[in-house]
Amino acid sequence: MTPQAPQAPQNLVSIIVSYVPPYNIKGSRVKLSFPLKGKSRFIPYDHEFDSCEAMAVDYLSKAGAMPLARTCLAKGNDVALLFPFTCFDALSLAICKR
């Protein structure tokens, strides 16, 4: 059996997922931050999901972007979802549209 050559690293795009607790006028929300474009989007928290990460994955997969990996961040309970760079346009539309 011939050894496989290592695959070249893929360019990745990250989305930071944060939980935003409720306050006087607004209920719980999930913040999706797109650091590469300096934009973010808040979506209402849906209690159908067991975590804000699962909710973000569902929201972004409907836009055509499936994450390759996830990593926990040092800041609180924030999570970074990593997507292939080919999803850049889908992520831009999902987060930056108004």
N, C-alpha and C. Protein backbone atom coordinates (compact mmCIF):
# COMPACT_ATOMS: atom_id res chain seq x y z
N MET A 1 0.84 -1.17 0.00
CA MET A 1 0.00 0.00 0.00
C MET A 1 0.89 1.24 0.00
N THR A 2 0.62 2.16 -0.91
CA THR A 2 1.42 3.38 -1.01
C THR A 2 0.92 4.42 0.00
N PRO A 3 1.86 5.08 0.65
CA PRO A 3 1.42 6.11 1.60
C PRO A 3 0.78 7.29 0.86
N GLN A 4 -0.24 7.82 1.46
CA GLN A 4 -0.94 8.98 0.89
C GLN A 4 -0.14 10.25 1.16
N ALA A 5 -0.06 11.08 0.16
CA ALA A 5 0.58 12.38 0.36
C ALA A 5 -0.35 13.25 1.21
N PRO A 6 0.19 14.02 2.13
CA PRO A 6 -0.68 14.87 2.95
C PRO A 6 -1.41 15.89 2.09
N GLN A 7 -2.66 16.13 2.43
CA GLN A 7 -3.44 17.10 1.69
C GLN A 7 -3.03 18.52 2.09
N ALA A 8 -3.08 19.40 1.13
CA ALA A 8 -2.75 20.80 1.41
C ALA A 8 -3.81 21.37 2.35
N PRO A 9 -3.41 22.23 3.28
CA PRO A 9 -4.39 22.83 4.17
C PRO A 9 -5.39 23.67 3.38
N GLN A 10 -6.60 23.68 3.85
CA GLN A 10 -7.67 24.39 3.17
C GLN A 10 -7.82 25.78 3.80
N ASN A 11 -8.11 26.77 2.99
CA ASN A 11 -8.42 28.09 3.54
C ASN A 11 -9.78 28.01 4.21
N LEU A 12 -9.86 28.51 5.43
CA LEU A 12 -11.09 28.43 6.21
C LEU A 12 -11.62 29.82 6.54
N VAL A 13 -12.91 29.88 6.73
CA VAL A 13 -13.60 31.10 7.15
C VAL A 13 -14.26 30.77 8.48
N SER A 14 -14.17 31.68 9.45
CA SER A 14 -14.79 31.40 10.75
C SER A 14 -16.00 32.29 10.99
N ILE A 15 -16.94 31.73 11.72
CA ILE A 15 -18.10 32.45 12.22
C ILE A 15 -18.10 32.25 13.73
N ILE A 16 -18.19 33.33 14.49
CA ILE A 16 -18.21 33.25 15.94
C ILE A 16 -19.67 33.25 16.39
N VAL A 17 -20.03 32.26 17.20
CA VAL A 17 -21.40 32.10 17.69
C VAL A 17 -21.42 32.45 19.18
N SER A 18 -22.26 33.40 19.57
CA SER A 18 -22.36 33.84 20.96
C SER A 18 -23.82 33.86 21.40
N TYR A 19 -24.04 33.51 22.66
CA TYR A 19 -25.38 33.60 23.25
C TYR A 19 -25.53 34.98 23.86
N VAL A 20 -26.65 35.64 23.60
CA VAL A 20 -26.94 36.95 24.17
C VAL A 20 -28.18 36.78 25.05
N PRO A 21 -28.03 36.97 26.38
CA PRO A 21 -29.16 36.74 27.28
C PRO A 21 -30.26 37.80 27.11
N PRO A 22 -31.46 37.50 27.60
CA PRO A 22 -32.56 38.45 27.47
C PRO A 22 -32.36 39.66 28.39
N TYR A 23 -33.00 40.76 28.03
CA TYR A 23 -33.06 41.92 28.90
C TYR A 23 -34.41 42.59 28.73
N ASN A 24 -34.59 43.79 29.24
CA ASN A 24 -35.91 44.41 29.35
C ASN A 24 -36.85 44.22 28.17
N ILE A 25 -36.39 44.55 26.97
CA ILE A 25 -37.30 44.52 25.83
C ILE A 25 -37.10 43.35 24.88
N LYS A 26 -35.91 42.80 24.84
CA LYS A 26 -35.63 41.73 23.88
C LYS A 26 -35.38 40.41 24.58
N GLY A 27 -35.82 39.36 23.92
CA GLY A 27 -35.59 38.02 24.46
C GLY A 27 -34.19 37.52 24.14
N SER A 28 -33.92 36.27 24.47
CA SER A 28 -32.62 35.66 24.20
C SER A 28 -32.35 35.67 22.70
N ARG A 29 -31.09 35.87 22.34
CA ARG A 29 -30.71 35.88 20.94
C ARG A 29 -29.38 35.18 20.77
N VAL A 30 -29.07 34.87 19.52
CA VAL A 30 -27.78 34.31 19.16
C VAL A 30 -27.12 35.29 18.21
N LYS A 31 -25.86 35.61 18.51
CA LYS A 31 -25.11 36.54 17.66
C LYS A 31 -24.15 35.74 16.79
N LEU A 32 -24.25 35.95 15.48
CA LEU A 32 -23.34 35.34 14.52
C LEU A 32 -22.41 36.45 14.02
N SER A 33 -21.13 36.34 14.34
CA SER A 33 -20.16 37.35 13.93
C SER A 33 -19.30 36.82 12.79
N PHE A 34 -19.11 37.65 11.80
CA PHE A 34 -18.31 37.31 10.63
C PHE A 34 -17.08 38.22 10.65
N PRO A 35 -16.01 37.85 11.38
CA PRO A 35 -14.87 38.75 11.57
C PRO A 35 -14.20 39.19 10.27
N LEU A 36 -14.22 38.35 9.26
CA LEU A 36 -13.55 38.68 8.00
C LEU A 36 -14.18 39.90 7.33
N LYS A 37 -15.49 40.08 7.54
CA LYS A 37 -16.18 41.23 6.94
C LYS A 37 -16.52 42.30 7.98
N GLY A 38 -16.28 42.00 9.26
CA GLY A 38 -16.61 42.96 10.31
C GLY A 38 -18.10 43.15 10.50
N LYS A 39 -18.89 42.14 10.20
CA LYS A 39 -20.36 42.22 10.30
C LYS A 39 -20.86 41.18 11.30
N SER A 40 -22.07 41.41 11.79
CA SER A 40 -22.70 40.42 12.66
C SER A 40 -24.21 40.47 12.45
N ARG A 41 -24.85 39.43 12.93
CA ARG A 41 -26.31 39.32 12.79
C ARG A 41 -26.84 38.67 14.06
N PHE A 42 -27.97 39.18 14.54
CA PHE A 42 -28.64 38.59 15.69
C PHE A 42 -29.85 37.82 15.18
N ILE A 43 -30.03 36.61 15.70
CA ILE A 43 -31.23 35.84 15.37
C ILE A 43 -31.89 35.44 16.68
N PRO A 44 -33.23 35.47 16.74
CA PRO A 44 -33.92 35.12 17.98
C PRO A 44 -33.62 33.68 18.38
N TYR A 45 -33.43 33.46 19.67
CA TYR A 45 -33.13 32.12 20.17
C TYR A 45 -34.37 31.25 20.03
N ASP A 46 -34.21 30.09 19.43
CA ASP A 46 -35.30 29.14 19.25
C ASP A 46 -35.08 27.98 20.22
N HIS A 47 -35.99 27.81 21.17
CA HIS A 47 -35.83 26.80 22.21
C HIS A 47 -36.05 25.38 21.70
N GLU A 48 -36.33 25.24 20.41
CA GLU A 48 -36.42 23.92 19.80
C GLU A 48 -35.04 23.25 19.77
N PHE A 49 -33.99 24.06 19.72
CA PHE A 49 -32.62 23.55 19.66
C PHE A 49 -32.04 23.45 21.06
N ASP A 50 -31.09 22.53 21.24
CA ASP A 50 -30.51 22.34 22.57
C ASP A 50 -29.34 23.27 22.85
N SER A 51 -28.85 24.00 21.85
CA SER A 51 -27.76 24.95 22.06
C SER A 51 -27.79 26.02 20.98
N CYS A 52 -27.13 27.13 21.27
CA CYS A 52 -27.07 28.19 20.25
C CYS A 52 -26.20 27.75 19.08
N GLU A 53 -25.24 26.85 19.34
CA GLU A 53 -24.40 26.33 18.25
C GLU A 53 -25.25 25.52 17.27
N ALA A 54 -26.11 24.64 17.77
CA ALA A 54 -26.97 23.84 16.91
C ALA A 54 -27.90 24.74 16.09
N MET A 55 -28.38 25.79 16.73
CA MET A 55 -29.26 26.73 16.05
C MET A 55 -28.51 27.47 14.94
N ALA A 56 -27.27 27.87 15.21
CA ALA A 56 -26.46 28.57 14.20
C ALA A 56 -26.14 27.66 13.02
N VAL A 57 -25.81 26.40 13.31
CA VAL A 57 -25.52 25.45 12.24
C VAL A 57 -26.75 25.27 11.35
N ASP A 58 -27.93 25.16 11.97
CA ASP A 58 -29.17 25.01 11.20
C ASP A 58 -29.41 26.25 10.34
N TYR A 59 -29.26 27.43 10.92
CA TYR A 59 -29.48 28.69 10.19
C TYR A 59 -28.53 28.82 9.00
N LEU A 60 -27.26 28.53 9.23
CA LEU A 60 -26.26 28.69 8.17
C LEU A 60 -26.34 27.57 7.12
N SER A 61 -26.75 26.37 7.53
CA SER A 61 -26.88 25.29 6.55
C SER A 61 -28.05 25.56 5.59
N LYS A 62 -29.07 26.26 6.06
CA LYS A 62 -30.17 26.65 5.17
C LYS A 62 -29.70 27.65 4.13
N ALA A 63 -28.61 28.37 4.44
CA ALA A 63 -28.03 29.32 3.49
C ALA A 63 -27.03 28.63 2.56
N GLY A 64 -26.78 27.35 2.80
CA GLY A 64 -25.88 26.60 1.92
C GLY A 64 -24.46 26.45 2.43
N ALA A 65 -24.24 26.66 3.72
CA ALA A 65 -22.88 26.57 4.28
C ALA A 65 -22.87 25.56 5.43
N MET A 66 -22.12 24.48 5.26
CA MET A 66 -21.99 23.46 6.31
C MET A 66 -20.59 23.56 6.93
N PRO A 67 -20.52 23.65 8.27
CA PRO A 67 -19.20 23.78 8.90
C PRO A 67 -18.38 22.50 8.80
N LEU A 68 -17.07 22.67 8.73
CA LEU A 68 -16.15 21.54 8.71
C LEU A 68 -15.75 21.16 10.13
N ALA A 69 -15.63 22.16 10.99
CA ALA A 69 -15.17 21.91 12.35
C ALA A 69 -15.67 23.03 13.26
N ARG A 70 -15.46 22.82 14.56
CA ARG A 70 -15.80 23.83 15.55
C ARG A 70 -14.68 23.88 16.57
N THR A 71 -14.57 25.00 17.23
CA THR A 71 -13.59 25.12 18.30
C THR A 71 -14.13 26.07 19.35
N CYS A 72 -13.87 25.76 20.61
CA CYS A 72 -14.30 26.63 21.71
C CYS A 72 -13.31 27.78 21.84
N LEU A 73 -13.83 28.93 22.18
CA LEU A 73 -12.98 30.10 22.37
C LEU A 73 -12.80 30.37 23.85
N ALA A 74 -11.75 31.08 24.18
CA ALA A 74 -11.45 31.36 25.59
C ALA A 74 -12.50 32.28 26.22
N LYS A 75 -13.15 33.09 25.41
CA LYS A 75 -14.12 34.06 25.92
C LYS A 75 -15.46 33.38 26.19
N GLY A 76 -15.78 33.15 27.43
CA GLY A 76 -17.08 32.61 27.82
C GLY A 76 -17.42 31.30 27.14
N ASN A 77 -18.62 31.20 26.62
CA ASN A 77 -19.09 29.99 25.95
C ASN A 77 -19.13 30.16 24.44
N ASP A 78 -18.40 31.13 23.92
CA ASP A 78 -18.40 31.36 22.48
C ASP A 78 -17.77 30.19 21.74
N VAL A 79 -18.27 29.96 20.53
CA VAL A 79 -17.78 28.87 19.68
C VAL A 79 -17.45 29.45 18.31
N ALA A 80 -16.38 28.98 17.71
CA ALA A 80 -16.05 29.36 16.33
C ALA A 80 -16.38 28.18 15.44
N LEU A 81 -17.21 28.42 14.44
CA LEU A 81 -17.51 27.41 13.42
C LEU A 81 -16.61 27.68 12.23
N LEU A 82 -15.96 26.65 11.73
CA LEU A 82 -15.03 26.82 10.61
C LEU A 82 -15.64 26.26 9.33
N PHE A 83 -15.63 27.06 8.29
CA PHE A 83 -16.22 26.71 7.01
C PHE A 83 -15.14 26.76 5.93
N PRO A 84 -15.30 25.95 4.86
CA PRO A 84 -14.37 26.09 3.73
C PRO A 84 -14.56 27.45 3.07
N PHE A 85 -13.50 28.00 2.50
CA PHE A 85 -13.57 29.32 1.89
C PHE A 85 -14.59 29.37 0.75
N THR A 86 -14.92 28.22 0.19
CA THR A 86 -15.91 28.18 -0.90
C THR A 86 -17.30 28.61 -0.41
N CYS A 87 -17.52 28.62 0.90
CA CYS A 87 -18.81 29.04 1.48
C CYS A 87 -18.87 30.53 1.74
N PHE A 88 -17.82 31.28 1.36
CA PHE A 88 -17.74 32.71 1.67
C PHE A 88 -18.97 33.47 1.20
N ASP A 89 -19.41 33.24 -0.03
CA ASP A 89 -20.56 33.97 -0.57
C ASP A 89 -21.84 33.65 0.18
N ALA A 90 -22.06 32.36 0.48
CA ALA A 90 -23.26 31.96 1.21
C ALA A 90 -23.27 32.56 2.61
N LEU A 91 -22.11 32.58 3.27
CA LEU A 91 -22.02 33.16 4.60
C LEU A 91 -22.24 34.67 4.55
N SER A 92 -21.69 35.32 3.53
CA SER A 92 -21.88 36.77 3.38
C SER A 92 -23.37 37.10 3.24
N LEU A 93 -24.07 36.34 2.43
CA LEU A 93 -25.51 36.59 2.24
C LEU A 93 -26.29 36.32 3.51
N ALA A 94 -25.94 35.25 4.24
CA ALA A 94 -26.69 34.89 5.45
C ALA A 94 -26.48 35.88 6.57
N ILE A 95 -25.30 36.45 6.69
CA ILE A 95 -25.01 37.31 7.82
C ILE A 95 -25.07 38.80 7.48
N CYS A 96 -24.66 39.17 6.29
CA CYS A 96 -24.56 40.59 5.94
C CYS A 96 -25.79 41.16 5.28
N LYS A 97 -26.75 40.32 4.90
CA LYS A 97 -27.97 40.85 4.24
C LYS A 97 -28.79 41.65 5.23
N ARG A 98 -29.48 42.61 4.77
CA ARG A 98 -30.35 43.43 5.62
C ARG A 98 -31.70 43.57 4.98
